Amino acid sequence: MFETSTGLSRRLLCSPTCPVLEALGKKLSFEIAVGLNGRVWVNAGSASTVILAANAIVNSESLSSTKQKIMVEKLLQRFQ
């Protein structure tokens, strides 16, 4: 579990397609629960996947949709 701003948590919940979650979901298997209070829970088969997903989500807050996808691709390249 980690905390984000309430603005980011609302974007994760309310946007029809969240670019960072969509990009992560194409390559990784994980579960996520987002609270309106800014708390985010991530569960995956390995700790490294949880850390990667959490870092991508936190880092996505100030990025545009296109930059979010690029950031996730770079993180996934380093992960493999």
N, C-alpha and C. Protein backbone atom coordinates (compact mmCIF):
# COMPACT_ATOMS: atom_id res chain seq x y z
N MET A 1 0.84 -1.17 0.00
CA MET A 1 0.00 0.00 0.00
C MET A 1 0.88 1.23 0.00
N PHE A 2 0.48 2.24 -0.72
CA PHE A 2 1.16 3.52 -0.72
C PHE A 2 0.13 4.62 -0.90
N GLU A 3 0.55 5.85 -0.65
CA GLU A 3 -0.37 6.97 -0.74
C GLU A 3 -0.01 7.87 -1.92
N THR A 4 -1.05 8.36 -2.57
CA THR A 4 -0.89 9.33 -3.65
C THR A 4 -1.77 10.53 -3.33
N SER A 5 -1.74 11.50 -4.18
CA SER A 5 -2.64 12.64 -4.01
C SER A 5 -4.06 12.19 -4.32
N THR A 6 -5.01 12.89 -3.78
CA THR A 6 -6.40 12.53 -4.07
C THR A 6 -6.74 12.80 -5.54
N GLY A 7 -6.07 13.76 -6.14
CA GLY A 7 -6.28 14.03 -7.56
C GLY A 7 -5.86 12.86 -8.43
N LEU A 8 -4.70 12.27 -8.11
CA LEU A 8 -4.24 11.11 -8.87
C LEU A 8 -5.16 9.92 -8.64
N SER A 9 -5.59 9.72 -7.42
CA SER A 9 -6.48 8.57 -7.16
C SER A 9 -7.80 8.73 -7.92
N ARG A 10 -8.30 9.93 -8.01
CA ARG A 10 -9.54 10.16 -8.78
C ARG A 10 -9.32 9.89 -10.27
N ARG A 11 -8.15 10.30 -10.80
CA ARG A 11 -7.85 10.01 -12.20
C ARG A 11 -7.73 8.51 -12.45
N LEU A 12 -7.14 7.79 -11.50
CA LEU A 12 -7.02 6.34 -11.65
C LEU A 12 -8.39 5.68 -11.66
N LEU A 13 -9.30 6.21 -10.87
CA LEU A 13 -10.64 5.63 -10.75
C LEU A 13 -11.60 6.08 -11.84
N CYS A 14 -11.56 7.35 -12.18
CA CYS A 14 -12.63 7.93 -12.97
C CYS A 14 -12.37 8.00 -14.47
N SER A 15 -11.13 7.94 -14.88
CA SER A 15 -10.91 8.04 -16.33
C SER A 15 -11.25 6.70 -16.98
N PRO A 16 -11.89 6.74 -18.15
CA PRO A 16 -12.30 5.49 -18.81
C PRO A 16 -11.10 4.57 -19.11
N THR A 17 -10.00 5.16 -19.55
CA THR A 17 -8.78 4.38 -19.76
C THR A 17 -7.63 5.18 -19.18
N CYS A 18 -7.07 4.67 -18.13
CA CYS A 18 -5.92 5.31 -17.49
C CYS A 18 -4.67 4.83 -18.23
N PRO A 19 -3.93 5.71 -18.89
CA PRO A 19 -2.80 5.28 -19.72
C PRO A 19 -1.75 4.46 -18.97
N VAL A 20 -1.44 4.84 -17.75
CA VAL A 20 -0.40 4.11 -17.01
C VAL A 20 -0.88 2.71 -16.64
N LEU A 21 -2.12 2.58 -16.21
CA LEU A 21 -2.64 1.26 -15.85
C LEU A 21 -2.83 0.39 -17.09
N GLU A 22 -3.25 1.01 -18.16
CA GLU A 22 -3.43 0.27 -19.42
C GLU A 22 -2.10 -0.28 -19.93
N ALA A 23 -1.06 0.57 -19.91
CA ALA A 23 0.26 0.14 -20.38
C ALA A 23 0.86 -0.94 -19.48
N LEU A 24 0.69 -0.79 -18.17
CA LEU A 24 1.20 -1.80 -17.24
C LEU A 24 0.45 -3.12 -17.41
N GLY A 25 -0.86 -3.04 -17.59
CA GLY A 25 -1.68 -4.23 -17.70
C GLY A 25 -1.40 -5.06 -18.94
N LYS A 26 -0.84 -4.45 -19.97
CA LYS A 26 -0.51 -5.19 -21.19
C LYS A 26 0.67 -6.12 -20.97
N LYS A 27 1.55 -5.79 -20.03
CA LYS A 27 2.78 -6.57 -19.84
C LYS A 27 2.87 -7.28 -18.50
N LEU A 28 2.16 -6.79 -17.49
CA LEU A 28 2.27 -7.34 -16.14
C LEU A 28 0.93 -7.83 -15.63
N SER A 29 0.99 -8.79 -14.74
CA SER A 29 -0.21 -9.28 -14.08
C SER A 29 -0.21 -8.78 -12.64
N PHE A 30 -1.20 -7.96 -12.30
CA PHE A 30 -1.29 -7.42 -10.95
C PHE A 30 -2.73 -7.02 -10.65
N GLU A 31 -3.00 -6.86 -9.37
CA GLU A 31 -4.30 -6.39 -8.91
C GLU A 31 -4.10 -5.02 -8.27
N ILE A 32 -5.10 -4.18 -8.40
CA ILE A 32 -4.99 -2.84 -7.82
C ILE A 32 -6.34 -2.44 -7.22
N ALA A 33 -6.27 -1.76 -6.09
CA ALA A 33 -7.46 -1.17 -5.47
C ALA A 33 -7.10 0.27 -5.14
N VAL A 34 -7.97 1.19 -5.52
CA VAL A 34 -7.69 2.61 -5.33
C VAL A 34 -8.80 3.21 -4.49
N GLY A 35 -8.41 3.92 -3.45
CA GLY A 35 -9.39 4.60 -2.60
C GLY A 35 -9.41 6.08 -2.91
N LEU A 36 -10.56 6.71 -2.74
CA LEU A 36 -10.67 8.15 -2.98
C LEU A 36 -9.83 8.97 -2.01
N ASN A 37 -9.40 8.35 -0.93
CA ASN A 37 -8.56 9.03 0.05
C ASN A 37 -7.09 9.08 -0.36
N GLY A 38 -6.76 8.51 -1.53
CA GLY A 38 -5.40 8.55 -2.03
C GLY A 38 -4.59 7.30 -1.75
N ARG A 39 -5.17 6.34 -1.06
CA ARG A 39 -4.45 5.10 -0.78
C ARG A 39 -4.63 4.12 -1.94
N VAL A 40 -3.51 3.50 -2.31
CA VAL A 40 -3.51 2.56 -3.44
C VAL A 40 -2.88 1.26 -2.97
N TRP A 41 -3.56 0.15 -3.23
CA TRP A 41 -3.04 -1.17 -2.89
C TRP A 41 -2.72 -1.88 -4.20
N VAL A 42 -1.53 -2.46 -4.25
CA VAL A 42 -1.13 -3.23 -5.42
C VAL A 42 -0.70 -4.61 -4.95
N ASN A 43 -1.17 -5.65 -5.64
CA ASN A 43 -0.80 -7.02 -5.32
C ASN A 43 -0.37 -7.71 -6.62
N ALA A 44 0.72 -8.46 -6.53
CA ALA A 44 1.23 -9.18 -7.71
C ALA A 44 1.98 -10.41 -7.24
N GLY A 45 2.38 -11.21 -8.20
CA GLY A 45 3.08 -12.45 -7.91
C GLY A 45 4.47 -12.26 -7.32
N SER A 46 5.09 -11.12 -7.59
CA SER A 46 6.43 -10.87 -7.06
C SER A 46 6.53 -9.45 -6.52
N ALA A 47 7.43 -9.27 -5.58
CA ALA A 47 7.63 -7.95 -4.99
C ALA A 47 8.13 -6.95 -6.02
N SER A 48 8.96 -7.41 -6.96
CA SER A 48 9.49 -6.50 -7.97
C SER A 48 8.38 -5.96 -8.87
N THR A 49 7.36 -6.76 -9.15
CA THR A 49 6.23 -6.29 -9.95
C THR A 49 5.42 -5.25 -9.18
N VAL A 50 5.23 -5.48 -7.89
CA VAL A 50 4.51 -4.51 -7.05
C VAL A 50 5.26 -3.18 -7.04
N ILE A 51 6.56 -3.24 -6.86
CA ILE A 51 7.38 -2.02 -6.80
C ILE A 51 7.35 -1.30 -8.14
N LEU A 52 7.45 -2.02 -9.22
CA LEU A 52 7.42 -1.41 -10.55
C LEU A 52 6.09 -0.71 -10.79
N ALA A 53 4.99 -1.38 -10.48
CA ALA A 53 3.66 -0.80 -10.68
C ALA A 53 3.48 0.44 -9.79
N ALA A 54 3.90 0.35 -8.54
CA ALA A 54 3.76 1.48 -7.62
C ALA A 54 4.58 2.67 -8.10
N ASN A 55 5.81 2.43 -8.53
CA ASN A 55 6.65 3.53 -9.02
C ASN A 55 6.06 4.16 -10.27
N ALA A 56 5.55 3.35 -11.17
CA ALA A 56 4.95 3.88 -12.39
C ALA A 56 3.74 4.75 -12.07
N ILE A 57 2.92 4.31 -11.13
CA ILE A 57 1.71 5.06 -10.77
C ILE A 57 2.09 6.39 -10.14
N VAL A 58 3.01 6.36 -9.19
CA VAL A 58 3.42 7.60 -8.50
C VAL A 58 4.08 8.56 -9.48
N ASN A 59 4.93 8.06 -10.35
CA ASN A 59 5.64 8.91 -11.31
C ASN A 59 4.73 9.47 -12.40
N SER A 60 3.57 8.87 -12.60
CA SER A 60 2.67 9.29 -13.68
C SER A 60 1.89 10.55 -13.37
N GLU A 61 1.91 10.98 -12.13
CA GLU A 61 1.03 12.07 -11.71
C GLU A 61 1.22 13.35 -12.52
N SER A 62 2.44 13.72 -12.81
CA SER A 62 2.68 15.00 -13.49
C SER A 62 2.94 14.84 -14.99
N LEU A 63 2.69 13.65 -15.54
CA LEU A 63 2.98 13.39 -16.95
C LEU A 63 1.72 13.38 -17.79
N SER A 64 1.88 13.73 -19.05
CA SER A 64 0.77 13.64 -19.99
C SER A 64 0.54 12.16 -20.34
N SER A 65 -0.54 11.87 -21.02
CA SER A 65 -0.87 10.49 -21.39
C SER A 65 0.23 9.85 -22.22
N THR A 66 0.75 10.58 -23.18
CA THR A 66 1.80 10.05 -24.04
C THR A 66 3.07 9.78 -23.25
N LYS A 67 3.44 10.72 -22.38
CA LYS A 67 4.64 10.55 -21.57
C LYS A 67 4.48 9.42 -20.56
N GLN A 68 3.26 9.19 -20.09
CA GLN A 68 3.02 8.07 -19.17
C GLN A 68 3.33 6.75 -19.87
N LYS A 69 2.87 6.60 -21.10
CA LYS A 69 3.12 5.37 -21.85
C LYS A 69 4.61 5.17 -22.10
N ILE A 70 5.31 6.24 -22.44
CA ILE A 70 6.75 6.17 -22.68
C ILE A 70 7.48 5.78 -21.40
N MET A 71 7.10 6.38 -20.29
CA MET A 71 7.71 6.08 -18.99
C MET A 71 7.52 4.61 -18.62
N VAL A 72 6.32 4.08 -18.83
CA VAL A 72 6.05 2.68 -18.51
C VAL A 72 6.89 1.77 -19.40
N GLU A 73 6.99 2.08 -20.68
CA GLU A 73 7.80 1.26 -21.59
C GLU A 73 9.26 1.23 -21.14
N LYS A 74 9.79 2.37 -20.73
CA LYS A 74 11.18 2.43 -20.25
C LYS A 74 11.35 1.61 -18.97
N LEU A 75 10.40 1.72 -18.06
CA LEU A 75 10.47 0.93 -16.82
C LEU A 75 10.42 -0.57 -17.12
N LEU A 76 9.54 -0.96 -18.03
CA LEU A 76 9.42 -2.38 -18.38
C LEU A 76 10.67 -2.91 -19.07
N GLN A 77 11.33 -2.09 -19.87
CA GLN A 77 12.58 -2.51 -20.52
C GLN A 77 13.66 -2.78 -19.47
N ARG A 78 13.74 -1.92 -18.46
CA ARG A 78 14.72 -2.13 -17.39
C ARG A 78 14.37 -3.34 -16.53
N PHE A 79 13.08 -3.59 -16.39
CA PHE A 79 12.60 -4.69 -15.55
C PHE A 79 12.97 -6.05 -16.14
N GLN A 80 12.92 -6.16 -17.45
CA GLN A 80 13.17 -7.44 -18.10
C GLN A 80 14.64 -7.59 -18.27
